Structure formats: C-alpha cells, structure tokens
Amino acid sequence: MSKKKVAIVQPKSLAKGLLAGLIGGLVGAVAMAAAERFIPHRARVKAESPDDAPKSTADSMHWTFGAAVGAAYGAAAEYFPTATSEKGAAFGMALETLSQQGTLPALGLLTGSAPRVSAGQLTSHVVYGVTTEVVRGFVRKRL
C-alpha cells in the first residue's frame, strides 16, 4: 500500500500576504541589525541633523524600509511563489543591489565613494531576506 502526500493549497489573499510579509520584514530587520553588529560593512546612511538625530533617523529608516519591503515581498510571494526562491536569499541579494546601488545613492543618502557591494553588506541583506522568508512563510501558514 502506498501513501500519497496531499498538499493543502491556501486561497490567495493580498491582505494576508501583506501582513505576513510585514511581520517577516520587521523580524528580518532585527536579524539584519544583529548581523551588522558582527559583520563590518562600508556604506553608512547620511543624516543631516546633529547629536542623536543621525542614529534615530537611520534607525527609523531601517525599520520603516524593512517593514515596507517585507510587506511588498509578502504580496509578491502570495501571487508569484517563485519570488521566494533560494529561501529568500535571492530577495536579499536583489534588495542589496537595488538599495545600495540605486535608491540610496540617488537620494544622496549614502556616504563614501562610488557605491560598491561589500561582503558585509551582501551578507547582512541575505540574512534579512532569509529571515523575512522564513517568518513570512511561518506566519502565512497560520493566517
């Protein structure tokens, strides 16, 4: 007698995908911040105010960006499961490229010379991507 495996397919839901991705993105941002304490990286975000404002500005941007990108990723994963390839590592690498070599320099928010991807930057973004995917998948199954 052979045993058959049955896959349970959940109906697609934009709201559930956004929520699962948002939660995953926040947890991913925590994991990325932890990774950056151990992995040196070159690029720093500029802040124009003195004293404590630079850290709070960068922190606010980090959490907001992490949550928003996670939510967008969750929505994409809901309708395009291939977006989750490599357990989120591909997402993290794509995010590194888009943010560090596109968005942040274009907004004048990246200090230093011409933006280049360092091993530390890439690693911390892969940590973000993988964590976001693991948490998103876990949360989505429970919604």
N, C-alpha and C. Protein backbone atom coordinates (compact mmCIF):
# COMPACT_ATOMS: atom_id res chain seq x y z
N MET A 1 0.84 -1.16 0.00
CA MET A 1 0.00 0.00 0.00
C MET A 1 0.89 1.24 0.00
N SER A 2 0.67 2.13 -0.91
CA SER A 2 1.48 3.35 -0.98
C SER A 2 0.73 4.50 -0.31
N LYS A 3 1.51 5.34 0.30
CA LYS A 3 0.93 6.52 0.94
C LYS A 3 1.12 7.71 0.02
N LYS A 4 0.06 8.44 -0.18
CA LYS A 4 0.12 9.62 -1.03
C LYS A 4 0.18 10.85 -0.15
N LYS A 5 0.98 11.81 -0.56
CA LYS A 5 1.03 13.08 0.14
C LYS A 5 0.04 14.03 -0.50
N VAL A 6 -0.67 14.73 0.34
CA VAL A 6 -1.66 15.69 -0.14
C VAL A 6 -1.20 17.08 0.23
N ALA A 7 -1.13 17.95 -0.74
CA ALA A 7 -0.75 19.34 -0.50
C ALA A 7 -2.01 20.16 -0.26
N ILE A 8 -1.97 20.94 0.79
CA ILE A 8 -3.09 21.83 1.08
C ILE A 8 -2.77 23.19 0.46
N VAL A 9 -3.61 23.62 -0.43
CA VAL A 9 -3.40 24.89 -1.12
C VAL A 9 -4.31 25.94 -0.48
N GLN A 10 -3.69 26.98 0.04
CA GLN A 10 -4.47 28.06 0.62
C GLN A 10 -4.90 29.02 -0.48
N PRO A 11 -6.10 29.57 -0.35
CA PRO A 11 -6.51 30.57 -1.34
C PRO A 11 -5.62 31.82 -1.21
N LYS A 12 -5.37 32.45 -2.31
CA LYS A 12 -4.53 33.65 -2.31
C LYS A 12 -5.27 34.81 -1.65
N SER A 13 -4.52 35.58 -0.86
CA SER A 13 -5.10 36.74 -0.18
C SER A 13 -4.05 37.84 -0.10
N LEU A 14 -4.33 38.95 -0.75
CA LEU A 14 -3.39 40.07 -0.73
C LEU A 14 -3.17 40.57 0.69
N ALA A 15 -4.25 40.71 1.45
CA ALA A 15 -4.14 41.22 2.82
C ALA A 15 -3.28 40.31 3.69
N LYS A 16 -3.49 38.99 3.58
CA LYS A 16 -2.70 38.04 4.37
C LYS A 16 -1.25 38.04 3.92
N GLY A 17 -1.02 38.16 2.62
CA GLY A 17 0.35 38.22 2.11
C GLY A 17 1.07 39.47 2.60
N LEU A 18 0.38 40.60 2.57
CA LEU A 18 0.97 41.86 3.07
C LEU A 18 1.29 41.76 4.55
N LEU A 19 0.35 41.24 5.35
CA LEU A 19 0.56 41.14 6.78
C LEU A 19 1.70 40.19 7.12
N ALA A 20 1.72 39.02 6.49
CA ALA A 20 2.79 38.05 6.74
C ALA A 20 4.14 38.64 6.33
N GLY A 21 4.18 39.34 5.21
CA GLY A 21 5.42 39.96 4.75
C GLY A 21 5.87 41.09 5.65
N LEU A 22 4.93 41.88 6.14
CA LEU A 22 5.26 42.98 7.05
C LEU A 22 5.89 42.43 8.34
N ILE A 23 5.27 41.39 8.91
CA ILE A 23 5.83 40.78 10.12
C ILE A 23 7.20 40.18 9.82
N GLY A 24 7.31 39.48 8.69
CA GLY A 24 8.60 38.92 8.28
C GLY A 24 9.65 39.99 8.08
N GLY A 25 9.26 41.11 7.47
CA GLY A 25 10.19 42.21 7.23
C GLY A 25 10.70 42.84 8.52
N LEU A 26 9.82 42.97 9.52
CA LEU A 26 10.25 43.52 10.81
C LEU A 26 11.23 42.59 11.51
N VAL A 27 10.92 41.30 11.51
CA VAL A 27 11.84 40.34 12.13
C VAL A 27 13.14 40.27 11.33
N GLY A 28 13.03 40.37 10.00
CA GLY A 28 14.22 40.40 9.16
C GLY A 28 15.10 41.61 9.46
N ALA A 29 14.47 42.76 9.73
CA ALA A 29 15.23 43.97 10.08
C ALA A 29 15.98 43.78 11.40
N VAL A 30 15.36 43.09 12.35
CA VAL A 30 16.02 42.78 13.62
C VAL A 30 17.24 41.89 13.36
N ALA A 31 17.03 40.85 12.55
CA ALA A 31 18.14 39.93 12.24
C ALA A 31 19.26 40.65 11.49
N MET A 32 18.89 41.54 10.58
CA MET A 32 19.90 42.29 9.82
C MET A 32 20.70 43.20 10.75
N ALA A 33 20.01 43.88 11.67
CA ALA A 33 20.69 44.75 12.63
C ALA A 33 21.66 43.94 13.49
N ALA A 34 21.24 42.75 13.90
CA ALA A 34 22.11 41.89 14.70
C ALA A 34 23.32 41.45 13.88
N ALA A 35 23.09 41.08 12.62
CA ALA A 35 24.20 40.65 11.76
C ALA A 35 25.20 41.78 11.54
N GLU A 36 24.70 43.01 11.40
CA GLU A 36 25.58 44.15 11.15
C GLU A 36 26.45 44.49 12.35
N ARG A 37 26.10 44.02 13.53
CA ARG A 37 26.95 44.23 14.71
C ARG A 37 28.20 43.36 14.63
N PHE A 38 28.10 42.24 13.91
CA PHE A 38 29.21 41.30 13.81
C PHE A 38 29.94 41.34 12.48
N ILE A 39 29.26 41.88 11.46
CA ILE A 39 29.83 41.91 10.11
C ILE A 39 30.11 43.35 9.74
N PRO A 40 31.37 43.72 9.55
CA PRO A 40 31.65 45.11 9.16
C PRO A 40 31.16 45.39 7.74
N HIS A 41 30.65 46.59 7.54
CA HIS A 41 30.25 47.00 6.20
C HIS A 41 30.62 48.46 6.01
N ARG A 42 30.84 48.84 4.76
CA ARG A 42 31.40 50.14 4.42
C ARG A 42 30.38 51.26 4.36
N ALA A 43 29.25 51.04 3.75
CA ALA A 43 28.31 52.13 3.49
C ALA A 43 27.58 52.56 4.75
N ARG A 44 27.38 53.84 4.88
CA ARG A 44 26.63 54.40 6.01
C ARG A 44 25.61 55.38 5.46
N VAL A 45 24.49 55.46 6.10
CA VAL A 45 23.45 56.40 5.70
C VAL A 45 23.77 57.75 6.31
N LYS A 46 23.67 58.81 5.51
CA LYS A 46 23.91 60.18 5.98
C LYS A 46 22.72 60.67 6.78
N ALA A 47 22.99 61.52 7.73
CA ALA A 47 21.92 62.24 8.43
C ALA A 47 22.37 63.68 8.52
N GLU A 48 21.46 64.59 8.34
CA GLU A 48 21.84 65.98 8.29
C GLU A 48 21.72 66.73 9.61
N SER A 49 21.15 66.13 10.64
CA SER A 49 20.97 66.80 11.91
C SER A 49 22.08 66.39 12.87
N PRO A 50 22.41 67.25 13.84
CA PRO A 50 23.47 66.93 14.79
C PRO A 50 22.99 66.01 15.91
N ASP A 51 23.93 65.66 16.80
CA ASP A 51 23.68 64.89 18.02
C ASP A 51 23.02 63.54 17.78
N ASP A 52 21.91 63.27 18.48
CA ASP A 52 21.26 61.97 18.44
C ASP A 52 20.42 61.76 17.19
N ALA A 53 20.14 62.78 16.46
CA ALA A 53 19.28 62.67 15.29
C ALA A 53 19.82 61.70 14.23
N PRO A 54 21.12 61.67 13.96
CA PRO A 54 21.58 60.74 12.92
C PRO A 54 21.23 59.29 13.22
N LYS A 55 21.44 58.84 14.45
CA LYS A 55 21.13 57.46 14.80
C LYS A 55 19.63 57.21 14.73
N SER A 56 18.83 58.13 15.24
CA SER A 56 17.38 57.93 15.22
C SER A 56 16.84 57.98 13.80
N THR A 57 17.42 58.83 12.95
CA THR A 57 16.99 58.89 11.56
C THR A 57 17.31 57.59 10.85
N ALA A 58 18.51 57.10 11.03
CA ALA A 58 18.92 55.84 10.40
C ALA A 58 18.09 54.68 10.93
N ASP A 59 17.85 54.65 12.24
CA ASP A 59 17.05 53.57 12.82
C ASP A 59 15.62 53.60 12.29
N SER A 60 15.04 54.79 12.23
CA SER A 60 13.67 54.93 11.73
C SER A 60 13.59 54.45 10.28
N MET A 61 14.55 54.83 9.48
CA MET A 61 14.59 54.45 8.08
C MET A 61 14.75 52.93 7.95
N HIS A 62 15.60 52.35 8.79
CA HIS A 62 15.86 50.91 8.78
C HIS A 62 14.57 50.13 9.05
N TRP A 63 13.84 50.50 10.09
CA TRP A 63 12.62 49.78 10.46
C TRP A 63 11.50 50.00 9.46
N THR A 64 11.34 51.22 9.01
CA THR A 64 10.29 51.54 8.05
C THR A 64 10.54 50.83 6.72
N PHE A 65 11.76 50.90 6.26
CA PHE A 65 12.13 50.27 4.99
C PHE A 65 11.99 48.75 5.10
N GLY A 66 12.46 48.18 6.22
CA GLY A 66 12.36 46.74 6.42
C GLY A 66 10.92 46.24 6.41
N ALA A 67 10.04 46.97 7.09
CA ALA A 67 8.62 46.59 7.14
C ALA A 67 7.96 46.75 5.78
N ALA A 68 8.20 47.88 5.12
CA ALA A 68 7.56 48.15 3.83
C ALA A 68 8.01 47.17 2.75
N VAL A 69 9.30 46.92 2.69
CA VAL A 69 9.82 45.99 1.68
C VAL A 69 9.34 44.57 1.99
N GLY A 70 9.29 44.23 3.28
CA GLY A 70 8.77 42.91 3.66
C GLY A 70 7.32 42.73 3.24
N ALA A 71 6.50 43.77 3.44
CA ALA A 71 5.10 43.70 3.04
C ALA A 71 4.98 43.53 1.52
N ALA A 72 5.76 44.28 0.77
CA ALA A 72 5.74 44.15 -0.69
C ALA A 72 6.17 42.75 -1.11
N TYR A 73 7.19 42.23 -0.44
CA TYR A 73 7.68 40.87 -0.72
C TYR A 73 6.59 39.85 -0.41
N GLY A 74 5.89 40.03 0.71
CA GLY A 74 4.81 39.12 1.08
C GLY A 74 3.70 39.11 0.04
N ALA A 75 3.35 40.28 -0.47
CA ALA A 75 2.33 40.37 -1.51
C ALA A 75 2.79 39.68 -2.79
N ALA A 76 4.05 39.90 -3.16
CA ALA A 76 4.59 39.26 -4.37
C ALA A 76 4.63 37.75 -4.20
N ALA A 77 5.05 37.29 -3.03
CA ALA A 77 5.14 35.85 -2.78
C ALA A 77 3.77 35.19 -2.82
N GLU A 78 2.75 35.92 -2.45
CA GLU A 78 1.38 35.39 -2.44
C GLU A 78 0.94 34.98 -3.84
N TYR A 79 1.28 35.80 -4.83
CA TYR A 79 0.83 35.56 -6.19
C TYR A 79 1.90 35.00 -7.11
N PHE A 80 3.16 35.15 -6.73
CA PHE A 80 4.28 34.66 -7.54
C PHE A 80 5.23 33.89 -6.64
N PRO A 81 4.92 32.63 -6.34
CA PRO A 81 5.74 31.85 -5.41
C PRO A 81 7.22 31.74 -5.79
N THR A 82 7.54 31.94 -7.05
CA THR A 82 8.95 31.88 -7.45
C THR A 82 9.76 33.02 -6.83
N ALA A 83 9.07 34.06 -6.34
CA ALA A 83 9.77 35.17 -5.67
C ALA A 83 10.49 34.70 -4.41
N THR A 84 10.08 33.55 -3.90
CA THR A 84 10.68 33.03 -2.67
C THR A 84 11.85 32.09 -2.93
N SER A 85 12.37 32.08 -4.15
CA SER A 85 13.45 31.17 -4.49
C SER A 85 14.65 31.34 -3.57
N GLU A 86 15.35 30.24 -3.40
CA GLU A 86 16.54 30.20 -2.54
C GLU A 86 16.22 30.61 -1.10
N LYS A 87 15.00 30.32 -0.67
CA LYS A 87 14.56 30.60 0.71
C LYS A 87 14.75 32.05 1.12
N GLY A 88 14.61 32.96 0.17
CA GLY A 88 14.71 34.39 0.46
C GLY A 88 16.08 34.99 0.21
N ALA A 89 17.09 34.17 -0.03
CA ALA A 89 18.44 34.68 -0.27
C ALA A 89 18.49 35.54 -1.54
N ALA A 90 17.80 35.11 -2.58
CA ALA A 90 17.77 35.89 -3.83
C ALA A 90 17.11 37.24 -3.60
N PHE A 91 16.06 37.26 -2.78
CA PHE A 91 15.38 38.51 -2.42
C PHE A 91 16.36 39.44 -1.70
N GLY A 92 17.11 38.93 -0.76
CA GLY A 92 18.08 39.74 -0.02
C GLY A 92 19.16 40.31 -0.94
N MET A 93 19.66 39.50 -1.87
CA MET A 93 20.68 39.98 -2.80
C MET A 93 20.13 41.04 -3.74
N ALA A 94 18.90 40.84 -4.21
CA ALA A 94 18.29 41.84 -5.10
C ALA A 94 18.06 43.14 -4.34
N LEU A 95 17.64 43.03 -3.09
CA LEU A 95 17.41 44.22 -2.27
C LEU A 95 18.71 44.98 -2.05
N GLU A 96 19.79 44.27 -1.81
CA GLU A 96 21.10 44.90 -1.63
C GLU A 96 21.46 45.71 -2.86
N THR A 97 21.31 45.12 -4.01
CA THR A 97 21.66 45.80 -5.25
C THR A 97 20.78 47.02 -5.49
N LEU A 98 19.49 46.86 -5.32
CA LEU A 98 18.57 47.97 -5.56
C LEU A 98 18.76 49.13 -4.58
N SER A 99 18.95 48.81 -3.31
CA SER A 99 19.06 49.89 -2.32
C SER A 99 20.44 50.53 -2.32
N GLN A 100 21.48 49.75 -2.31
CA GLN A 100 22.83 50.28 -2.17
C GLN A 100 23.39 50.87 -3.46
N GLN A 101 22.91 50.40 -4.59
CA GLN A 101 23.44 50.91 -5.85
C GLN A 101 22.42 51.71 -6.65
N GLY A 102 21.24 51.88 -6.11
CA GLY A 102 20.22 52.62 -6.83
C GLY A 102 19.55 53.67 -5.98
N THR A 103 18.69 53.24 -5.09
CA THR A 103 17.85 54.15 -4.32
C THR A 103 18.63 55.08 -3.40
N LEU A 104 19.45 54.54 -2.51
CA LEU A 104 20.15 55.38 -1.53
C LEU A 104 21.10 56.38 -2.17
N PRO A 105 21.95 55.99 -3.13
CA PRO A 105 22.80 56.99 -3.78
C PRO A 105 21.99 58.05 -4.54
N ALA A 106 20.91 57.64 -5.17
CA ALA A 106 20.09 58.59 -5.92
C ALA A 106 19.47 59.65 -5.01
N LEU A 107 19.16 59.24 -3.78
CA LEU A 107 18.59 60.18 -2.82
C LEU A 107 19.66 60.96 -2.06
N GLY A 108 20.93 60.65 -2.34
CA GLY A 108 22.03 61.32 -1.65
C GLY A 108 22.18 60.86 -0.20
N LEU A 109 21.73 59.66 0.10
CA LEU A 109 21.76 59.16 1.48
C LEU A 109 22.89 58.18 1.75
N LEU A 110 23.78 57.98 0.81
CA LEU A 110 24.87 57.05 1.00
C LEU A 110 26.17 57.82 1.02
N THR A 111 26.97 57.61 2.06
CA THR A 111 28.25 58.31 2.16
C THR A 111 29.34 57.48 1.52
N GLY A 112 30.49 58.06 1.36
CA GLY A 112 31.64 57.33 0.84
C GLY A 112 31.78 57.50 -0.66
N SER A 113 32.70 56.72 -1.21
CA SER A 113 32.96 56.80 -2.64
C SER A 113 31.86 56.07 -3.41
N ALA A 114 32.12 55.82 -4.67
CA ALA A 114 31.13 55.16 -5.51
C ALA A 114 30.63 53.88 -4.83
N PRO A 115 29.32 53.67 -4.81
CA PRO A 115 28.79 52.51 -4.11
C PRO A 115 29.25 51.20 -4.73
N ARG A 116 29.76 50.35 -3.89
CA ARG A 116 30.14 49.00 -4.30
C ARG A 116 29.60 48.05 -3.25
N VAL A 117 29.27 46.86 -3.67
CA VAL A 117 28.76 45.88 -2.74
C VAL A 117 29.93 45.25 -2.00
N SER A 118 29.90 45.34 -0.67
CA SER A 118 30.92 44.67 0.12
C SER A 118 30.34 43.35 0.60
N ALA A 119 31.22 42.45 1.01
CA ALA A 119 30.77 41.15 1.51
C ALA A 119 29.87 41.31 2.73
N GLY A 120 30.19 42.28 3.59
CA GLY A 120 29.38 42.51 4.77
C GLY A 120 27.99 42.99 4.45
N GLN A 121 27.89 43.90 3.50
CA GLN A 121 26.58 44.41 3.08
C GLN A 121 25.74 43.29 2.48
N LEU A 122 26.34 42.53 1.60
CA LEU A 122 25.62 41.46 0.94
C LEU A 122 25.17 40.41 1.96
N THR A 123 26.04 40.06 2.88
CA THR A 123 25.70 39.07 3.90
C THR A 123 24.55 39.54 4.77
N SER A 124 24.59 40.79 5.22
CA SER A 124 23.52 41.28 6.08
C SER A 124 22.18 41.33 5.35
N HIS A 125 22.20 41.62 4.05
CA HIS A 125 20.95 41.63 3.28
C HIS A 125 20.45 40.21 3.01
N VAL A 126 21.35 39.27 2.85
CA VAL A 126 20.93 37.87 2.71
C VAL A 126 20.31 37.39 4.01
N VAL A 127 20.89 37.79 5.15
CA VAL A 127 20.30 37.46 6.45
C VAL A 127 18.88 38.03 6.53
N TYR A 128 18.71 39.28 6.10
CA TYR A 128 17.38 39.90 6.08
C TYR A 128 16.42 39.10 5.20
N GLY A 129 16.86 38.77 3.99
CA GLY A 129 15.99 38.07 3.05
C GLY A 129 15.58 36.69 3.52
N VAL A 130 16.53 35.93 4.02
CA VAL A 130 16.22 34.58 4.50
C VAL A 130 15.30 34.64 5.73
N THR A 131 15.61 35.52 6.67
CA THR A 131 14.77 35.66 7.86
C THR A 131 13.37 36.10 7.49
N THR A 132 13.27 37.07 6.60
CA THR A 132 11.97 37.55 6.15
C THR A 132 11.15 36.42 5.55
N GLU A 133 11.77 35.61 4.71
CA GLU A 133 11.07 34.50 4.06
C GLU A 133 10.64 33.43 5.06
N VAL A 134 11.52 33.07 5.98
CA VAL A 134 11.18 32.03 6.97
C VAL A 134 9.99 32.49 7.82
N VAL A 135 10.06 33.71 8.32
CA VAL A 135 8.98 34.24 9.17
C VAL A 135 7.70 34.44 8.35
N ARG A 136 7.84 34.98 7.14
CA ARG A 136 6.66 35.18 6.28
C ARG A 136 5.95 33.86 6.04
N GLY A 137 6.70 32.84 5.68
CA GLY A 137 6.10 31.53 5.42
C GLY A 137 5.42 30.95 6.65
N PHE A 138 6.06 31.09 7.80
CA PHE A 138 5.50 30.60 9.06
C PHE A 138 4.20 31.31 9.39
N VAL A 139 4.21 32.64 9.31
CA VAL A 139 3.03 33.44 9.64
C VAL A 139 1.91 33.16 8.62
N ARG A 140 2.27 33.11 7.35
CA ARG A 140 1.24 32.93 6.30
C ARG A 140 0.50 31.61 6.46
N LYS A 141 1.19 30.56 6.86
CA LYS A 141 0.53 29.27 7.05
C LYS A 141 -0.49 29.30 8.18
N ARG A 142 -0.30 30.24 9.09
CA ARG A 142 -1.17 30.32 10.24
C ARG A 142 -2.29 31.34 10.10
N LEU A 143 -2.27 32.10 9.03
CA LEU A 143 -3.34 33.09 8.81
C LEU A 143 -4.53 32.46 8.11
